[in-house]
Protein backbone atom coordinates (compact mmCIF):
# COMPACT_ATOMS: atom_id res chain seq x y z
CA MET A 1 -63.48 33.78 -73.58
CA GLY A 2 -62.08 32.89 -76.92
CA ASN A 3 -58.84 31.27 -77.77
CA ILE A 4 -56.29 31.16 -74.76
CA VAL A 5 -52.94 32.80 -75.57
CA LYS A 6 -52.46 33.62 -71.91
CA SER A 7 -50.76 31.25 -69.47
CA ASP A 8 -52.55 29.64 -66.52
CA ILE A 9 -51.02 32.08 -64.10
CA GLU A 10 -51.89 35.09 -66.10
CA ILE A 11 -55.33 34.04 -66.34
CA ALA A 12 -55.58 33.03 -62.75
CA GLN A 13 -54.30 36.61 -61.95
CA ALA A 14 -56.87 38.49 -63.95
CA CYS A 15 -59.47 36.79 -62.04
CA GLU A 16 -61.56 39.09 -59.66
CA MET A 17 -61.65 37.32 -56.58
CA GLN A 18 -64.65 37.61 -54.14
CA HIS A 19 -63.81 37.65 -50.46
CA ILE A 20 -63.51 34.28 -48.73
CA LYS A 21 -66.54 35.15 -46.33
CA ASP A 22 -68.82 35.73 -49.34
CA ILE A 23 -67.74 32.50 -50.94
CA ALA A 24 -68.47 30.70 -47.51
CA GLU A 25 -72.24 32.47 -47.41
CA LYS A 26 -73.10 30.67 -50.51
CA VAL A 27 -72.93 27.36 -48.46
CA SER A 28 -74.42 28.97 -45.37
CA ILE A 29 -71.25 29.06 -43.32
CA SER A 30 -71.14 32.05 -41.01
CA GLU A 31 -68.19 34.34 -40.92
CA ASP A 32 -67.63 33.46 -37.21
CA ASP A 33 -66.84 29.99 -38.52
CA LEU A 34 -63.83 30.92 -40.51
CA GLU A 35 -60.27 31.06 -39.53
CA LEU A 36 -59.18 33.76 -42.06
CA TYR A 37 -55.69 33.62 -43.90
CA GLY A 38 -55.98 36.91 -45.65
CA LYS A 39 -59.24 37.46 -47.83
CA HIS A 40 -58.93 34.67 -50.03
CA LYS A 41 -58.21 31.60 -47.94
CA ALA A 42 -59.98 30.14 -44.76
CA LYS A 43 -59.68 27.06 -42.55
CA LEU A 44 -63.16 25.25 -41.90
CA PRO A 45 -64.04 23.79 -38.11
CA LEU A 46 -64.63 20.14 -38.17
CA SER A 47 -68.25 20.99 -36.43
CA LEU A 48 -69.35 21.89 -40.12
CA ILE A 49 -69.29 18.28 -40.71
CA ASP A 50 -73.03 16.88 -40.67
CA GLN A 51 -73.88 13.32 -41.34
CA SER A 52 -77.74 14.04 -41.88
CA LYS A 53 -76.57 16.65 -44.64
CA MET A 54 -74.03 14.17 -46.14
CA ASN A 55 -76.87 11.59 -46.74
CA LYS A 56 -78.61 13.95 -49.07
CA SER A 57 -75.30 14.75 -51.12
CA ASN A 58 -74.28 13.41 -54.32
CA LEU A 59 -70.46 12.37 -54.41
CA VAL A 60 -68.91 12.38 -57.87
CA LEU A 61 -65.70 10.62 -58.51
CA VAL A 62 -63.31 12.32 -61.34
CA THR A 63 -60.59 9.61 -62.43
CA ALA A 64 -59.03 9.05 -65.89
CA LEU A 65 -57.67 6.61 -68.44
CA THR A 66 -53.99 5.49 -67.96
CA PRO A 67 -52.26 9.07 -68.38
CA THR A 68 -49.46 10.34 -70.64
CA PRO A 69 -46.61 11.77 -68.28
CA ALA A 70 -48.10 15.02 -68.56
CA GLY A 71 -51.42 14.08 -67.26
CA GLU A 72 -55.02 14.38 -68.98
CA GLY A 73 -56.56 16.87 -66.99
CA LYS A 74 -58.49 15.39 -63.95
CA THR A 75 -57.95 19.00 -61.81
CA THR A 76 -59.23 21.01 -64.80
CA THR A 77 -62.06 18.37 -65.37
CA SER A 78 -63.01 18.38 -61.87
CA ILE A 79 -62.97 22.24 -61.49
CA GLY A 80 -65.13 22.65 -64.94
CA LEU A 81 -67.73 20.29 -63.72
CA THR A 82 -68.13 22.13 -60.51
CA GLU A 83 -68.77 25.30 -62.58
CA GLY A 84 -70.96 23.25 -64.98
CA LEU A 85 -73.15 22.13 -62.37
CA ASN A 86 -73.36 25.22 -60.55
CA LYS A 87 -74.41 26.93 -63.81
CA ILE A 88 -77.44 24.42 -64.03
CA GLY A 89 -78.52 25.35 -60.77
CA LYS A 90 -76.90 22.38 -58.71
CA LYS A 91 -75.17 23.68 -55.54
CA THR A 92 -71.96 22.07 -56.01
CA VAL A 93 -68.45 22.17 -54.13
CA VAL A 94 -65.16 20.78 -55.33
CA VAL A 95 -62.78 18.87 -52.99
CA LEU A 96 -59.28 18.71 -54.23
CA ARG A 97 -55.76 17.67 -52.92
CA GLU A 98 -53.03 20.07 -52.31
CA PRO A 99 -50.37 20.30 -54.89
CA SER A 100 -46.70 19.48 -53.77
CA LEU A 101 -43.73 21.95 -54.16
CA GLY A 102 -41.76 19.19 -55.91
CA PRO A 103 -43.65 18.67 -58.97
CA VAL A 104 -44.38 22.51 -58.83
CA PHE A 105 -40.54 23.11 -59.21
CA GLY A 106 -39.80 20.15 -61.23
CA ILE A 107 -41.50 18.77 -64.22
CA LYS A 108 -45.44 18.59 -63.48
CA GLY A 109 -46.25 21.87 -62.81
CA GLY A 110 -48.76 23.20 -60.33
CA ALA A 111 -52.09 21.34 -59.51
CA ALA A 112 -54.60 24.20 -59.35
CA GLY A 113 -56.36 23.28 -62.70
CA GLY A 114 -55.73 25.09 -65.77
CA GLY A 115 -56.78 27.65 -68.50
CA TYR A 116 -60.66 28.85 -67.43
CA ALA A 117 -60.91 26.22 -64.98
CA GLN A 118 -58.85 27.09 -62.01
CA VAL A 119 -59.08 27.22 -58.23
CA VAL A 120 -57.59 30.91 -57.02
CA PRO A 121 -55.53 32.20 -55.36
CA MET A 122 -53.53 29.84 -57.87
CA GLU A 123 -50.22 30.95 -56.60
CA ASP A 124 -50.64 30.59 -52.90
CA ILE A 125 -52.29 27.07 -53.60
CA ASN A 126 -49.37 26.19 -55.54
CA LEU A 127 -46.98 27.49 -52.99
CA HIS A 128 -47.10 27.34 -49.32
CA PHE A 129 -51.06 27.77 -48.92
CA THR A 130 -52.02 27.59 -45.35
CA GLY A 131 -48.79 25.53 -44.35
CA ASP A 132 -50.46 21.97 -44.00
CA PHE A 133 -47.42 20.37 -45.90
CA SER A 134 -45.12 21.98 -43.54
CA ALA A 135 -47.08 20.85 -40.65
CA VAL A 136 -47.01 17.21 -42.01
CA GLU A 137 -43.19 17.74 -42.56
CA LYS A 138 -42.70 18.80 -38.99
CA ALA A 139 -44.69 16.01 -37.25
CA ASN A 140 -42.82 13.46 -39.60
CA ASN A 141 -39.54 14.83 -38.68
CA LEU A 142 -40.28 15.13 -34.73
CA LEU A 143 -40.92 11.36 -34.93
CA ALA A 144 -37.40 10.83 -36.54
CA ALA A 145 -35.97 12.99 -34.03
CA LEU A 146 -37.55 10.97 -31.37
CA ILE A 147 -36.22 7.79 -32.77
CA ASP A 148 -32.66 8.98 -33.02
CA ASN A 149 -32.78 10.44 -29.61
CA ASN A 150 -34.13 7.34 -28.01
CA LEU A 151 -31.12 5.25 -29.77
CA GLN A 152 -28.77 7.02 -27.52
CA SER A 153 -30.76 7.49 -24.48
CA LYS A 154 -29.27 5.55 -21.20
CA THR A 155 -32.43 5.87 -19.24
CA LYS A 156 -35.51 5.47 -21.37
CA ASN A 157 -33.72 3.29 -24.22
CA LEU A 158 -36.37 1.07 -25.89
CA ASN A 159 -33.77 -1.45 -27.54
CA ILE A 160 -34.34 -0.42 -30.97
CA ASP A 161 -32.31 -2.28 -33.48
CA PRO A 162 -31.03 0.80 -35.85
CA ARG A 163 -30.85 -1.85 -38.46
CA THR A 164 -34.68 -2.32 -38.50
CA ILE A 165 -36.05 1.58 -38.37
CA GLY A 166 -38.12 2.13 -41.40
CA TRP A 167 -39.07 5.76 -40.61
CA LYS A 168 -37.49 8.39 -42.92
CA ARG A 169 -37.16 12.10 -42.83
CA VAL A 170 -39.34 14.05 -45.48
CA MET A 171 -39.02 17.49 -47.26
CA ASP A 172 -41.26 18.84 -49.80
CA MET A 173 -38.86 19.22 -52.57
CA ASN A 174 -37.42 17.03 -55.22
CA ASP A 175 -33.78 16.36 -54.11
CA ARG A 176 -32.50 12.98 -55.26
CA ALA A 177 -29.36 13.55 -53.30
CA LEU A 178 -30.96 13.05 -50.12
CA ARG A 179 -32.73 9.43 -51.01
CA ASP A 180 -29.83 7.39 -49.43
CA ILE A 181 -27.45 9.13 -46.67
CA VAL A 182 -25.70 8.28 -43.53
CA ILE A 183 -26.65 10.37 -40.43
CA GLY A 184 -25.14 10.52 -36.85
CA LEU A 185 -21.47 11.09 -37.87
CA GLY A 186 -18.98 13.18 -35.97
CA GLY A 187 -18.85 11.60 -32.64
CA THR A 188 -21.13 10.24 -29.74
CA ALA A 189 -22.58 13.58 -28.96
CA ASN A 190 -24.44 13.34 -32.67
CA GLY A 191 -26.22 10.07 -32.17
CA ILE A 192 -25.55 6.24 -33.49
CA PRO A 193 -24.38 6.44 -37.12
CA ARG A 194 -26.78 4.69 -39.32
CA GLU A 195 -28.28 4.52 -42.95
CA ASP A 196 -31.08 6.64 -43.34
CA GLY A 197 -32.90 8.89 -46.37
CA PHE A 198 -35.70 11.37 -47.09
CA ASN A 199 -38.57 10.92 -48.64
CA ILE A 200 -40.90 13.48 -50.38
CA THR A 201 -43.57 14.93 -47.97
CA PRO A 202 -46.69 13.77 -49.97
CA ALA A 203 -45.07 9.93 -49.47
CA SER A 204 -45.10 10.27 -45.64
CA GLU A 205 -47.19 7.93 -43.60
CA VAL A 206 -48.22 11.24 -41.64
CA MET A 207 -49.96 12.63 -45.06
CA ALA A 208 -51.66 9.48 -45.44
CA ILE A 209 -53.00 9.37 -42.07
CA LEU A 210 -54.22 13.00 -42.20
CA CYS A 211 -56.22 11.93 -45.44
CA MET A 212 -57.75 8.82 -43.45
CA ALA A 213 -58.51 10.61 -40.11
CA GLU A 214 -62.07 10.89 -39.18
CA ASN A 215 -61.36 13.36 -36.39
CA PHE A 216 -58.90 14.54 -34.10
CA GLU A 217 -59.12 11.33 -31.69
CA ASP A 218 -58.58 9.34 -34.68
CA LEU A 219 -55.75 11.27 -36.08
CA LYS A 220 -53.89 10.66 -32.68
CA LYS A 221 -54.69 7.02 -32.44
CA ARG A 222 -53.33 6.55 -36.14
CA LEU A 223 -50.24 8.29 -35.38
CA GLY A 224 -49.39 6.31 -32.34
CA ASN A 225 -49.87 3.30 -34.60
CA ILE A 226 -47.16 3.94 -36.88
CA TYR A 227 -44.34 1.34 -36.99
CA VAL A 228 -40.88 2.22 -36.05
CA GLY A 229 -38.64 -1.05 -36.37
CA LEU A 230 -37.97 -4.02 -33.98
CA THR A 231 -36.18 -4.40 -30.96
CA PHE A 232 -32.86 -6.51 -30.64
CA ASP A 233 -35.26 -9.21 -29.44
CA LYS A 234 -37.53 -8.87 -32.34
CA LYS A 235 -40.56 -6.88 -30.50
CA PRO A 236 -42.18 -4.17 -32.45
CA ILE A 237 -41.88 -0.59 -31.62
CA TYR A 238 -44.69 1.90 -32.55
CA ALA A 239 -44.91 5.76 -32.23
CA LYS A 240 -46.95 5.31 -29.17
CA ASP A 241 -43.83 3.53 -27.34
CA LEU A 242 -42.06 6.64 -27.95
CA LYS A 243 -45.19 8.81 -26.47
CA ALA A 244 -44.74 10.68 -29.88
CA GLU A 245 -48.75 10.74 -30.95
CA ASN A 246 -49.64 13.66 -28.93
CA ALA A 247 -46.97 15.99 -29.92
CA MET A 248 -47.14 14.88 -33.55
CA ALA A 249 -50.99 15.86 -33.43
CA ILE A 250 -50.42 19.10 -32.02
CA LEU A 251 -48.21 20.21 -34.63
CA LEU A 252 -51.23 18.88 -36.80
CA LYS A 253 -53.78 20.91 -34.99
CA ASP A 254 -54.43 23.37 -37.82
CA ALA A 255 -53.33 21.02 -40.52
CA ILE A 256 -56.61 18.74 -39.67
CA LYS A 257 -58.98 21.71 -40.63
CA PRO A 258 -59.72 21.94 -44.36
CA ASN A 259 -59.15 25.08 -46.60
CA LEU A 260 -61.77 26.83 -48.35
CA VAL A 261 -60.84 28.78 -51.33
CA GLN A 262 -62.91 29.51 -54.54
CA THR A 263 -62.99 28.58 -58.29
CA MET A 264 -62.52 31.31 -60.87
CA GLU A 265 -66.21 31.51 -61.12
CA GLY A 266 -66.60 32.34 -57.50
CA ASN A 267 -67.86 28.84 -56.34
CA PRO A 268 -66.91 27.37 -53.16
CA ALA A 269 -63.60 24.77 -53.21
CA ILE A 270 -62.13 22.63 -50.62
CA ILE A 271 -58.52 21.76 -51.08
CA HIS A 272 -56.87 19.49 -48.23
CA GLY A 273 -54.31 16.77 -48.06
CA GLY A 274 -52.09 15.61 -50.60
CA PRO A 275 -50.78 12.10 -50.81
CA PHE A 276 -49.22 10.36 -53.78
CA ALA A 277 -51.46 8.21 -55.82
CA ASN A 278 -48.95 5.31 -56.77
CA ILE A 279 -47.69 4.81 -53.41
CA ALA A 280 -50.34 6.13 -51.14
CA GLN A 281 -54.30 6.59 -51.57
CA GLY A 282 -54.01 9.69 -53.89
CA THR A 283 -57.02 11.06 -52.45
CA ASN A 284 -57.86 14.45 -50.38
CA THR A 285 -58.73 13.83 -46.82
CA VAL A 286 -61.86 12.13 -45.68
CA ILE A 287 -62.62 15.13 -43.37
CA ALA A 288 -62.34 17.68 -46.39
CA THR A 289 -64.95 15.11 -48.64
CA LYS A 290 -67.55 14.70 -45.73
CA MET A 291 -67.28 18.55 -45.21
CA GLY A 292 -67.86 19.25 -48.99
CA MET A 293 -70.91 16.82 -48.62
CA SER A 294 -72.10 18.55 -45.57
CA LEU A 295 -72.15 21.88 -47.45
CA GLY A 296 -73.33 20.99 -51.23
CA ASP A 297 -75.88 18.93 -52.84
CA TYR A 298 -73.25 17.82 -55.40
CA VAL A 299 -69.42 17.22 -54.40
CA VAL A 300 -67.04 16.60 -57.17
CA THR A 301 -63.57 15.20 -56.00
CA GLU A 302 -60.71 13.35 -57.89
CA ALA A 303 -58.37 10.41 -57.33
CA GLY A 304 -54.59 10.68 -58.83
CA PHE A 305 -53.18 8.90 -61.82
CA GLY A 306 -55.41 6.35 -63.78
CA ALA A 307 -58.43 4.60 -62.35
CA ASP A 308 -56.43 1.58 -61.93
CA LEU A 309 -54.54 3.65 -59.05
CA GLY A 310 -56.44 6.49 -57.61
CA ALA A 311 -59.98 5.19 -58.27
CA GLU A 312 -59.37 1.61 -57.37
CA LYS A 313 -57.78 3.11 -54.12
CA PHE A 314 -60.47 5.74 -53.37
CA LEU A 315 -63.11 3.02 -53.87
CA ASN A 316 -61.59 0.04 -51.88
CA ILE A 317 -59.83 1.99 -49.25
CA LYS A 318 -61.12 5.64 -48.53
CA CYS A 319 -65.00 4.81 -49.35
CA VAL A 320 -64.98 1.53 -47.30
CA SER A 321 -62.97 3.13 -44.23
CA ALA A 322 -65.08 6.40 -44.26
CA GLY A 323 -68.42 4.71 -45.00
CA LEU A 324 -68.70 6.91 -48.44
CA LYS A 325 -70.76 5.95 -51.22
CA PRO A 326 -70.06 7.62 -54.81
CA LYS A 327 -73.24 8.29 -56.78
CA ALA A 328 -71.22 8.94 -60.11
CA THR A 329 -67.69 8.61 -61.58
CA VAL A 330 -66.36 10.59 -64.71
CA LEU A 331 -63.34 9.10 -66.69
CA VAL A 332 -61.26 11.58 -68.41
CA ALA A 333 -59.97 10.77 -71.41
CA THR A 334 -57.94 13.08 -73.99
CA ILE A 335 -57.40 12.01 -77.67
CA ARG A 336 -53.80 12.55 -77.34
CA ALA A 337 -53.56 9.59 -74.59
CA LEU A 338 -55.42 7.52 -76.69
CA ARG A 339 -53.28 8.14 -79.63
CA HIS A 340 -50.37 7.28 -77.23
CA HIS A 341 -51.96 3.96 -76.28
CA GLY A 342 -52.52 3.21 -79.76
CA GLY A 343 -48.84 3.38 -80.77
CA ALA A 344 -48.22 7.13 -81.36
CA PRO A 345 -44.56 8.45 -80.41
CA LYS A 346 -44.47 11.17 -78.34
CA GLU A 347 -43.85 13.76 -81.08
CA GLU A 348 -47.11 12.49 -82.85
CA TYR A 349 -49.47 12.55 -79.71
CA ASN A 350 -51.00 15.96 -81.70
CA THR A 351 -51.30 14.32 -85.19
CA PRO A 352 -54.85 13.16 -85.74
CA SER A 353 -54.98 9.58 -86.37
CA THR A 354 -58.40 7.63 -86.09
CA GLU A 355 -56.50 4.22 -86.42
CA ARG A 356 -54.49 4.98 -83.35
CA VAL A 357 -57.37 6.34 -81.47
CA ALA A 358 -59.36 2.95 -82.46
CA ASN A 359 -56.59 0.89 -81.04
CA GLY A 360 -56.02 3.00 -77.86
CA LEU A 361 -59.73 2.73 -77.05
CA ALA A 362 -58.81 -0.72 -75.72
CA ASN A 363 -57.36 1.08 -72.70
CA LEU A 364 -60.39 3.25 -72.04
CA GLY A 365 -62.80 0.36 -72.61
CA LYS A 366 -60.65 -1.69 -69.65
CA HIS A 367 -61.13 1.42 -67.21
CA ILE A 368 -64.86 1.70 -68.09
CA GLU A 369 -65.35 -2.06 -67.45
CA ASN A 370 -63.41 -1.95 -64.12
CA MET A 371 -65.74 1.36 -62.95
CA GLN A 372 -68.82 -1.10 -63.74
CA LYS A 373 -67.35 -3.67 -61.72
CA PHE A 374 -67.73 -1.52 -58.65
CA GLY A 375 -71.20 -0.86 -59.92
CA LEU A 376 -70.68 2.29 -61.20
CA ASN A 377 -71.63 3.33 -64.74
CA PRO A 378 -68.85 6.24 -65.76
CA VAL A 379 -69.50 9.19 -67.79
CA VAL A 380 -66.59 9.77 -70.08
CA ALA A 381 -65.28 13.38 -70.12
CA ILE A 382 -63.24 14.01 -73.69
CA ASN A 383 -61.02 16.76 -72.37
CA ALA A 384 -60.59 18.91 -75.52
CA PHE A 385 -57.25 20.02 -77.47
CA PRO A 386 -57.37 21.83 -80.39
CA THR A 387 -55.44 19.07 -82.38
CA ASP A 388 -58.80 16.85 -81.90
CA THR A 389 -60.67 15.87 -84.97
CA GLU A 390 -64.45 15.49 -85.32
CA GLU A 391 -63.68 12.06 -86.70
CA GLU A 392 -61.83 11.19 -83.84
CA ILE A 393 -64.50 12.59 -81.12
CA GLN A 394 -67.35 10.63 -83.05
CA LEU A 395 -65.45 7.15 -82.90
CA ILE A 396 -64.94 7.70 -79.13
CA LYS A 397 -68.46 8.49 -78.54
CA GLU A 398 -69.71 5.36 -80.52
CA ARG A 399 -67.45 3.08 -78.97
CA CYS A 400 -68.47 4.31 -75.54
CA ALA A 401 -72.15 3.96 -76.29
CA SER A 402 -71.70 0.56 -77.46
CA ARG A 403 -70.84 -0.08 -73.96
CA GLY A 404 -73.71 1.71 -72.47
CA VAL A 405 -71.43 4.66 -71.62
CA LYS A 406 -72.18 8.67 -72.58
CA ALA A 407 -68.88 10.11 -73.86
CA VAL A 408 -69.04 14.10 -73.72
CA VAL A 409 -66.46 16.55 -75.10
CA ALA A 410 -65.33 18.83 -72.08
CA ASN A 411 -64.51 22.32 -72.87
CA GLY A 412 -63.42 23.66 -69.23
CA TRP A 413 -60.14 24.68 -70.13
CA THR A 414 -61.18 27.18 -73.09
CA GLN A 415 -64.80 28.02 -71.82
CA GLY A 416 -64.94 27.56 -67.99
CA GLY A 417 -68.34 26.21 -66.67
CA GLU A 418 -70.08 27.32 -69.84
CA GLY A 419 -67.89 24.50 -71.92
CA MET A 420 -68.89 22.03 -69.28
CA THR A 421 -72.76 22.44 -68.76
CA ASN A 422 -73.25 19.15 -71.15
CA LEU A 423 -70.87 17.32 -68.96
CA ALA A 424 -72.55 18.56 -65.74
CA GLU A 425 -76.26 17.25 -67.43
CA ALA A 426 -74.60 13.98 -68.43
CA VAL A 427 -73.31 13.39 -64.74
CA VAL A 428 -76.98 14.52 -63.19
CA GLU A 429 -78.59 12.01 -65.76
CA GLU A 430 -76.65 9.27 -64.87
CA ILE A 431 -77.21 9.79 -61.27
CA GLU A 432 -80.81 10.36 -61.40
CA THR A 433 -81.18 6.95 -63.35
CA GLY A 434 -80.87 5.15 -59.86
CA LYS A 435 -78.70 2.38 -61.26
CA ASN A 436 -75.42 3.27 -59.65
CA ASN A 437 -74.88 1.14 -56.59
CA PHE A 438 -71.31 1.07 -55.41
CA LYS A 439 -70.02 -2.17 -54.00
CA ALA A 440 -66.38 -2.47 -53.09
CA LEU A 441 -64.25 -5.00 -55.05
CA TYR A 442 -62.78 -7.11 -52.12
CA ASP A 443 -63.63 -7.65 -48.48
CA TRP A 444 -60.91 -6.46 -46.19
CA ASN A 445 -60.80 -9.76 -44.06
CA SER A 446 -59.89 -11.84 -46.93
CA ASP A 447 -56.22 -12.99 -46.82
CA ILE A 448 -53.84 -10.65 -48.15
CA LYS A 449 -52.80 -12.46 -51.27
CA THR A 450 -56.54 -12.85 -52.21
CA LYS A 451 -57.03 -9.00 -52.04
CA ILE A 452 -53.75 -8.66 -54.27
CA SER A 453 -55.00 -11.35 -56.69
CA THR A 454 -58.40 -9.69 -56.80
CA ILE A 455 -57.06 -6.36 -57.86
CA ALA A 456 -54.56 -7.86 -60.31
CA ARG A 457 -56.91 -9.84 -62.24
CA GLU A 458 -59.87 -7.81 -62.06
CA ILE A 459 -58.37 -4.27 -62.31
CA TYR A 460 -55.17 -4.97 -64.36
CA GLY A 461 -56.08 -7.87 -66.24
CA ALA A 462 -53.09 -10.04 -65.02
CA ASP A 463 -53.09 -13.71 -65.35
CA GLU A 464 -51.25 -14.07 -62.25
CA VAL A 465 -49.04 -12.82 -59.25
CA GLU A 466 -45.56 -13.91 -58.52
CA TYR A 467 -43.82 -13.23 -55.03
CA SER A 468 -40.30 -12.55 -54.74
CA LYS A 469 -38.43 -14.32 -51.61
CA GLN A 470 -38.08 -10.80 -50.23
CA ALA A 471 -41.95 -10.01 -50.37
CA GLN A 472 -42.94 -13.57 -48.93
CA SER A 473 -40.44 -12.89 -45.91
CA ASP A 474 -42.25 -9.40 -45.92
CA LEU A 475 -45.88 -10.93 -45.98
CA ALA A 476 -44.89 -13.32 -43.10
CA LYS A 477 -43.85 -10.13 -40.83
CA ILE A 478 -47.07 -8.26 -41.67
CA GLU A 479 -49.24 -11.20 -40.70
CA ASP A 480 -47.12 -11.83 -37.56
CA LEU A 481 -48.02 -8.18 -36.51
CA GLY A 482 -51.66 -8.84 -37.06
CA LEU A 483 -52.15 -6.53 -40.06
CA GLY A 484 -53.79 -9.32 -42.46
CA ASN A 485 -57.26 -7.76 -42.28
CA LEU A 486 -56.31 -4.32 -43.70
CA PRO A 487 -56.90 -3.26 -47.31
CA VAL A 488 -54.00 -3.10 -50.05
CA CYS A 489 -52.73 0.06 -51.41
CA MET A 490 -50.78 -1.13 -54.53
CA ALA A 491 -47.61 0.73 -55.42
CA LYS A 492 -47.16 0.49 -58.88
CA THR A 493 -46.38 2.56 -62.05
CA GLN A 494 -49.01 4.79 -63.35
CA LYS A 495 -48.00 4.65 -67.10
CA SER A 496 -49.32 0.94 -67.61
CA PHE A 497 -51.94 -1.40 -66.38
CA SER A 498 -49.20 -3.67 -65.66
CA ASP A 499 -46.12 -3.10 -63.41
CA ASN A 500 -44.23 -2.65 -66.84
CA ASP A 501 -44.47 1.00 -67.78
CA LYS A 502 -43.91 0.04 -71.66
CA LEU A 503 -47.10 -2.04 -71.79
CA LEU A 504 -49.44 0.48 -73.34
CA GLY A 505 -53.13 -0.14 -74.11
CA ARG A 506 -54.58 -2.85 -72.62
CA PRO A 507 -52.06 -5.62 -72.12
CA THR A 508 -52.89 -9.25 -71.52
CA GLY A 509 -50.92 -12.56 -70.70
CA PHE A 510 -48.86 -10.80 -67.87
CA ALA A 511 -47.97 -11.54 -64.52
CA VAL A 512 -47.84 -8.83 -61.76
CA ASN A 513 -44.43 -9.07 -59.62
CA VAL A 514 -44.65 -8.06 -55.83
CA ARG A 515 -40.98 -7.11 -55.16
CA GLU A 516 -41.65 -6.20 -51.48
CA PHE A 517 -44.07 -4.85 -48.92
CA GLU A 518 -44.43 -2.01 -47.04
CA PHE A 519 -47.17 -1.25 -44.57
CA ALA A 520 -48.82 1.79 -42.91
CA ALA A 521 -50.02 0.33 -39.74
CA GLY A 522 -51.37 3.95 -38.89
CA ALA A 523 -52.67 4.76 -41.99
CA GLY A 524 -54.33 1.35 -42.05
CA PHE A 525 -52.92 -0.47 -45.19
CA ILE A 526 -50.66 -2.80 -46.52
CA ILE A 527 -48.46 -1.80 -49.56
CA PRO A 528 -47.45 -4.31 -52.25
CA ILE A 529 -44.75 -2.74 -54.24
CA LEU A 530 -44.48 -3.75 -57.71
CA GLY A 531 -41.07 -2.82 -59.30
CA LYS A 532 -39.00 -0.02 -58.00
CA MET A 533 -41.17 2.76 -56.66
CA MET A 534 -39.85 6.33 -56.14
CA ARG A 535 -40.51 7.90 -52.83
CA MET A 536 -37.95 10.92 -53.38
CA PRO A 537 -38.24 12.17 -57.11
CA GLY A 538 -35.46 14.04 -58.74
CA LEU A 539 -35.60 17.36 -60.72
CA PRO A 540 -35.25 17.25 -64.55
CA ALA A 541 -32.60 18.77 -66.68
CA THR A 542 -34.54 22.07 -67.00
CA PRO A 543 -36.45 22.41 -63.78
CA ALA A 544 -39.88 24.54 -63.90
CA SER A 545 -38.08 26.89 -61.40
CA GLU A 546 -35.97 28.20 -63.90
CA GLY A 547 -38.88 29.66 -65.75
CA MET A 548 -40.18 31.68 -62.98
CA THR A 549 -39.88 35.09 -61.85
CA ILE A 550 -41.10 37.54 -59.16
CA ASP A 551 -41.05 41.53 -59.72
CA ASN A 552 -40.88 44.15 -57.42
CA ASP A 553 -44.45 44.37 -56.54
CA GLY A 554 -44.31 40.62 -55.85
CA VAL A 555 -46.14 39.43 -58.99
CA ILE A 556 -45.05 35.82 -59.97
CA SER A 557 -44.81 34.96 -63.26
CA GLY A 558 -43.96 31.77 -65.04
CA LEU A 559 -45.86 29.23 -62.36
CA SER A 560 -48.25 26.88 -64.05
């Protein structure tokens, strides 16, 4: 395939896609079981999930070191590894999250992989796809409308105190002007004036619930358990008190079904759900993962941002909740990220420096240790860039080997599956040692502060955890509501192990500060917030949307 001069979208558009029924056939799905969305996309029925087949499948989690703002290529590596595993004769399915339109039109771009390791149809996946995000948005906003309707109801008023309502509306676009708004203006017919705001759709608890639900009944139960606010006499109100859960579930009746597409080399890919990893669990749906494991002997999946966020939540929350047991983990590292953690300014990320890489390896080393605490010995994938040098690669391999970990150069971006067979073989070898035995880091039934302290000390390397007055007050409320036995879903910056994004590498001697708590009673986790977390991003000075065009034949360019 040679050197890439084409953009991701040009490469994807040049790919000759197979009909989705032919992709389904590779994993023994009959055409009758497909709900077709054109020729190249289909929804899959939940009846295909089979526990006996799942028990024989090998689940592989792809995570990363602490990333630079551009990301280090987990999706590209996940797709490339899937191609590589299929090339060495392993029946493998990749299971990924759906992209959010906010980042697509903003700064980060799409999330369908890159180069010759992509899922297709790339444009559809990055845009409206099969309408799942739209369904989540509608279900979320139905609840918002029901809440405001109840505030002015004369017959069914639940006596909700508007000042306590925490439920926001959502839309799938970066729009900072909607973060904090006032609604209900214009007179009594328009409702009760109150402060409100919008979150971006992946930050909705409905998205988190869709990704945690085991089946349709479980989905309805979790939707009903969404906390709305308090009455004037301090009694909690949930979505089920508004009789919202059935109508919300109806809007999600298709969204709960996983989406089948294909990799560029014609291997099956399931793409479903899309919660953010710095404020939610950051991984695809439980249903999609179980579906993949029912169809493939190997399943490759990923969790967002660095392993201190996505992987920690995947392992402590998703795996425990769903009874999943990963057999291997892959830690994606780039030499540019190691230079970054070793002190390189942004303009020198592509300047070779064994000294900076050596210093930056402290960050990767900590992530390796963390995975080993879960009973999983990772394989390190060095996601290759043209500016990497042999000396830097050799240094990484030697340092990893000293920790009992294999580091492999991953060339999926330039070579597709052909450049990933070495990583595929290393992953299979790691699984076949039989030494990986996943165990969660904490017991859900521990008290909340113990769970937070375990993550802060063991995963982040903090000395202590400090709580603001607001956090202490929030904690008392969570315990009063009987939610103390839920797992914790830490909300913090993805740029550092600490809650200070300026502390790179492997910081020591720091405290983690819990500013406040949120909780997702329906999704089933408590959210300690470290620092100020953004639930509605803004667009950059030059949004990606400015570089996009569509011609008279409907061909899109500039999407990446």
